[in-house]
Amino acid sequence: MDAAPLNAIVIPVLSAAIFLYALYFVVRSGVRDGILQAERKRDGEGGSDGRH
């Protein structure tokens, strides 16, 4: 039995899973930083990057 058909399914699914896992942490980090920045701005401390 040749494993080529199975590999044609498993490799793209595994690649997509790894990509989405990494993307999850990028989005999660961005949301966390945005929330922290909004809290600082609301409290009147300004942003960490100097923009207002």
Protein backbone atom coordinates (compact mmCIF):
# COMPACT_ATOMS: atom_id res chain seq x y z
CA MET A 1 0.00 0.00 0.00
CA ASP A 2 1.31 3.39 -0.98
CA ALA A 3 1.16 6.19 1.60
CA ALA A 4 1.04 9.02 -0.96
CA PRO A 5 -2.74 9.60 -0.73
CA LEU A 6 -2.54 9.71 3.05
CA ASN A 7 0.42 12.10 2.94
CA ALA A 8 -1.49 14.33 0.53
CA ILE A 9 -4.09 14.83 3.25
CA VAL A 10 -2.00 14.75 6.43
CA ILE A 11 0.80 17.15 5.43
CA PRO A 12 -1.48 20.11 4.47
CA VAL A 13 -3.69 19.58 7.53
CA LEU A 14 -0.69 19.43 9.83
CA SER A 15 0.83 22.53 8.20
CA ALA A 16 -2.44 24.44 8.58
CA ALA A 17 -2.71 23.39 12.23
CA ILE A 18 0.79 24.65 13.00
CA PHE A 19 0.13 27.94 11.17
CA LEU A 20 -3.17 28.52 12.98
CA TYR A 21 -1.59 27.67 16.34
CA ALA A 22 1.09 30.31 15.78
CA LEU A 23 -1.48 32.81 14.50
CA TYR A 24 -3.55 32.28 17.66
CA PHE A 25 -0.66 33.43 19.85
CA VAL A 26 0.08 36.43 17.62
CA VAL A 27 -3.55 37.59 17.80
CA ARG A 28 -3.75 36.87 21.52
CA SER A 29 -0.63 38.95 22.15
CA GLY A 30 -1.97 41.82 20.03
CA VAL A 31 -5.30 41.83 21.84
CA ARG A 32 -3.56 41.79 25.23
CA ASP A 33 -1.31 44.70 24.24
CA GLY A 34 -4.28 46.64 22.87
CA ILE A 35 -6.24 46.17 26.08
CA LEU A 36 -3.28 47.28 28.19
CA GLN A 37 -2.73 50.32 25.98
CA ALA A 38 -6.41 51.28 26.20
CA GLU A 39 -6.32 50.97 29.99
CA ARG A 40 -3.25 53.21 30.16
CA LYS A 41 -4.88 55.75 27.86
CA ARG A 42 -8.10 55.69 29.89
CA ASP A 43 -6.17 56.24 33.12
CA GLY A 44 -4.44 59.27 31.61
CA GLU A 45 -0.95 57.83 31.46
CA GLY A 46 -0.73 57.99 27.67
CA GLY A 47 0.66 55.35 25.36
CA SER A 48 4.05 53.72 25.65
CA ASP A 49 4.98 54.82 22.14
CA GLY A 50 4.57 58.55 22.84
CA ARG A 51 1.61 59.07 20.52
CA HIS A 52 -1.67 60.50 21.81
